[in-house]
């Protein structure tokens, strides 16, 4: 008897459904990347699609190898854990880099949180710091 014959049919159906869902989510992310207009809109579909697609693929891997082995197999969770840590951090860093480049180029983007709209520095609460009394009449 070979290894695939040991896996029940319901597990094979579950694995195939999860893998098809994974492919559809990755395809959705790719379509969103192509169709959306600017960089900030294009960041989200691939990140979300790839994350959900990876969750489905890891779920399929968990189901198949746990059924094959006859007990829980937890190694695919490492992929999911690392993905949950790295994708948001990478997305934030890419967004900050793009925003920095657009500010340096003089495009119409919102000012940094540490600056008032007229260029004066502000603290965390939004109060102007620096010139004491310069904003008084």
Protein backbone atom coordinates (compact mmCIF):
# COMPACT_ATOMS: atom_id res chain seq x y z
CA UNK A 1 0.00 0.00 0.00
CA UNK A 2 1.41 3.41 -0.97
CA UNK A 3 1.14 6.56 1.14
CA UNK A 4 -1.64 8.33 -0.85
CA UNK A 5 -3.91 5.29 -0.42
CA UNK A 6 -3.76 5.80 3.35
CA UNK A 7 -5.39 9.24 3.15
CA UNK A 8 -9.22 9.24 3.31
CA UNK A 9 -11.16 10.75 0.43
CA UNK A 10 -12.69 13.49 2.56
CA UNK A 11 -9.18 14.72 3.39
CA UNK A 12 -8.27 14.71 -0.30
CA UNK A 13 -11.41 16.75 -1.06
CA UNK A 14 -10.62 19.20 1.74
CA UNK A 15 -7.04 19.57 0.51
CA UNK A 16 -8.13 20.12 -3.07
CA UNK A 17 -10.74 22.72 -2.04
CA UNK A 18 -8.19 24.59 0.07
CA UNK A 19 -5.64 24.56 -2.76
CA UNK A 20 -8.21 25.82 -5.29
CA UNK A 21 -9.22 28.57 -2.83
CA UNK A 22 -5.54 29.40 -2.41
CA UNK A 23 -5.09 29.78 -6.16
CA UNK A 24 -8.22 31.94 -6.48
CA UNK A 25 -7.06 34.26 -3.71
CA UNK A 26 -3.63 34.63 -5.28
CA UNK A 27 -5.31 35.35 -8.63
CA UNK A 28 -7.52 37.98 -6.98
CA UNK A 29 -4.45 39.68 -5.54
CA UNK A 30 -2.75 39.67 -8.95
CA UNK A 31 -5.82 41.16 -10.64
CA UNK A 32 -5.99 43.87 -7.98
CA UNK A 33 -2.33 44.66 -8.57
CA UNK A 34 -2.93 45.15 -12.29
CA UNK A 35 -6.23 47.05 -12.11
CA UNK A 36 -5.68 49.60 -9.35
CA UNK A 37 -4.30 53.04 -10.15
CA UNK A 38 -1.55 54.10 -7.77
CA UNK A 39 1.05 52.43 -5.57
CA UNK A 40 -0.85 52.88 -2.32
CA UNK A 41 -3.92 51.15 -3.72
CA UNK A 42 -1.83 48.43 -5.34
CA UNK A 43 -0.12 47.46 -2.08
CA UNK A 44 -3.15 45.87 -0.44
CA UNK A 45 -4.53 43.23 -2.83
CA UNK A 46 -1.29 41.28 -3.26
CA UNK A 47 -0.51 41.41 0.46
CA UNK A 48 -3.98 40.26 1.49
CA UNK A 49 -4.34 37.78 -1.36
CA UNK A 50 -0.95 36.23 -0.75
CA UNK A 51 -1.56 36.03 2.98
CA UNK A 52 -4.94 34.33 2.61
CA UNK A 53 -3.60 32.06 -0.13
CA UNK A 54 -0.75 30.99 2.13
CA UNK A 55 -3.17 30.30 4.99
CA UNK A 56 -5.19 28.03 2.69
CA UNK A 57 -2.12 26.23 1.36
CA UNK A 58 -0.77 25.69 4.88
CA UNK A 59 -4.20 24.44 5.97
CA UNK A 60 -4.14 21.95 3.11
CA UNK A 61 -0.65 20.86 4.11
CA UNK A 62 -1.71 20.46 7.73
CA UNK A 63 -4.75 18.37 6.78
CA UNK A 64 -2.94 16.12 4.32
CA UNK A 65 0.19 15.37 6.31
CA UNK A 66 -1.72 15.01 9.59
CA UNK A 67 -4.01 12.45 7.95
CA UNK A 68 -1.06 10.72 6.32
CA UNK A 69 0.90 10.52 9.56
CA UNK A 70 -2.09 9.74 11.76
CA UNK A 71 -1.36 12.61 14.14
CA UNK A 72 -0.94 16.37 14.15
CA UNK A 73 1.82 17.85 12.02
CA UNK A 74 2.60 21.40 13.09
CA UNK A 75 5.56 22.44 10.91
CA UNK A 76 3.38 24.37 8.38
CA UNK A 77 2.36 26.69 11.22
CA UNK A 78 5.89 28.12 11.13
CA UNK A 79 5.19 29.45 7.64
CA UNK A 80 1.96 31.09 8.80
CA UNK A 81 3.56 32.61 11.89
CA UNK A 82 6.48 34.06 9.96
CA UNK A 83 4.10 35.37 7.30
CA UNK A 84 1.91 37.07 9.90
CA UNK A 85 4.98 38.81 11.28
CA UNK A 86 6.72 39.83 8.07
CA UNK A 87 3.91 40.88 5.69
CA UNK A 88 2.54 43.80 7.78
CA UNK A 89 6.04 45.06 8.54
CA UNK A 90 7.03 44.91 4.87
CA UNK A 91 3.81 46.66 3.82
CA UNK A 92 4.38 49.49 6.29
CA UNK A 93 8.00 49.94 5.21
CA UNK A 94 7.03 50.03 1.52
CA UNK A 95 4.27 52.57 2.20
CA UNK A 96 6.62 54.80 4.18
CA UNK A 97 9.29 54.63 1.49
CA UNK A 98 6.78 55.53 -1.22
CA UNK A 99 5.37 58.39 0.86
CA UNK A 100 8.89 59.69 1.53
CA UNK A 101 9.72 59.61 -2.19
CA UNK A 102 6.52 61.45 -3.08
CA UNK A 103 7.14 64.11 -0.42
CA UNK A 104 10.71 64.57 -1.69
CA UNK A 105 9.39 64.93 -5.25
CA UNK A 106 6.90 67.58 -4.12
CA UNK A 107 3.78 65.62 -5.03
CA UNK A 108 0.52 66.50 -3.34
CA UNK A 109 0.64 64.16 -0.36
CA UNK A 110 -0.32 64.96 3.24
CA UNK A 111 2.41 66.50 5.38
CA UNK A 112 4.30 64.42 7.90
CA UNK A 113 2.67 64.05 11.31
CA UNK A 114 5.56 65.97 12.87
CA UNK A 115 4.79 69.08 10.79
CA UNK A 116 1.89 71.50 10.77
CA UNK A 117 0.41 72.35 7.34
CA UNK A 118 2.35 75.63 7.30
CA UNK A 119 5.67 73.85 7.97
CA UNK A 120 6.05 74.49 11.72
CA UNK A 121 6.98 71.55 13.95
CA UNK A 122 4.37 69.99 16.22
CA UNK A 123 4.59 67.51 19.09
CA UNK A 124 2.67 64.25 19.55
CA UNK A 125 -0.45 66.08 20.75
CA UNK A 126 -0.55 68.38 17.71
CA UNK A 127 0.63 71.56 19.50
CA UNK A 128 3.13 73.80 17.74
CA UNK A 129 6.58 73.71 19.32
CA UNK A 130 9.62 75.86 18.74
CA UNK A 131 8.84 79.58 18.35
CA UNK A 132 7.13 80.59 21.57
CA UNK A 133 4.56 83.22 20.71
CA UNK A 134 5.32 83.25 16.98
CA UNK A 135 1.77 82.18 16.18
CA UNK A 136 0.19 84.87 18.39
CA UNK A 137 -1.26 88.05 16.81
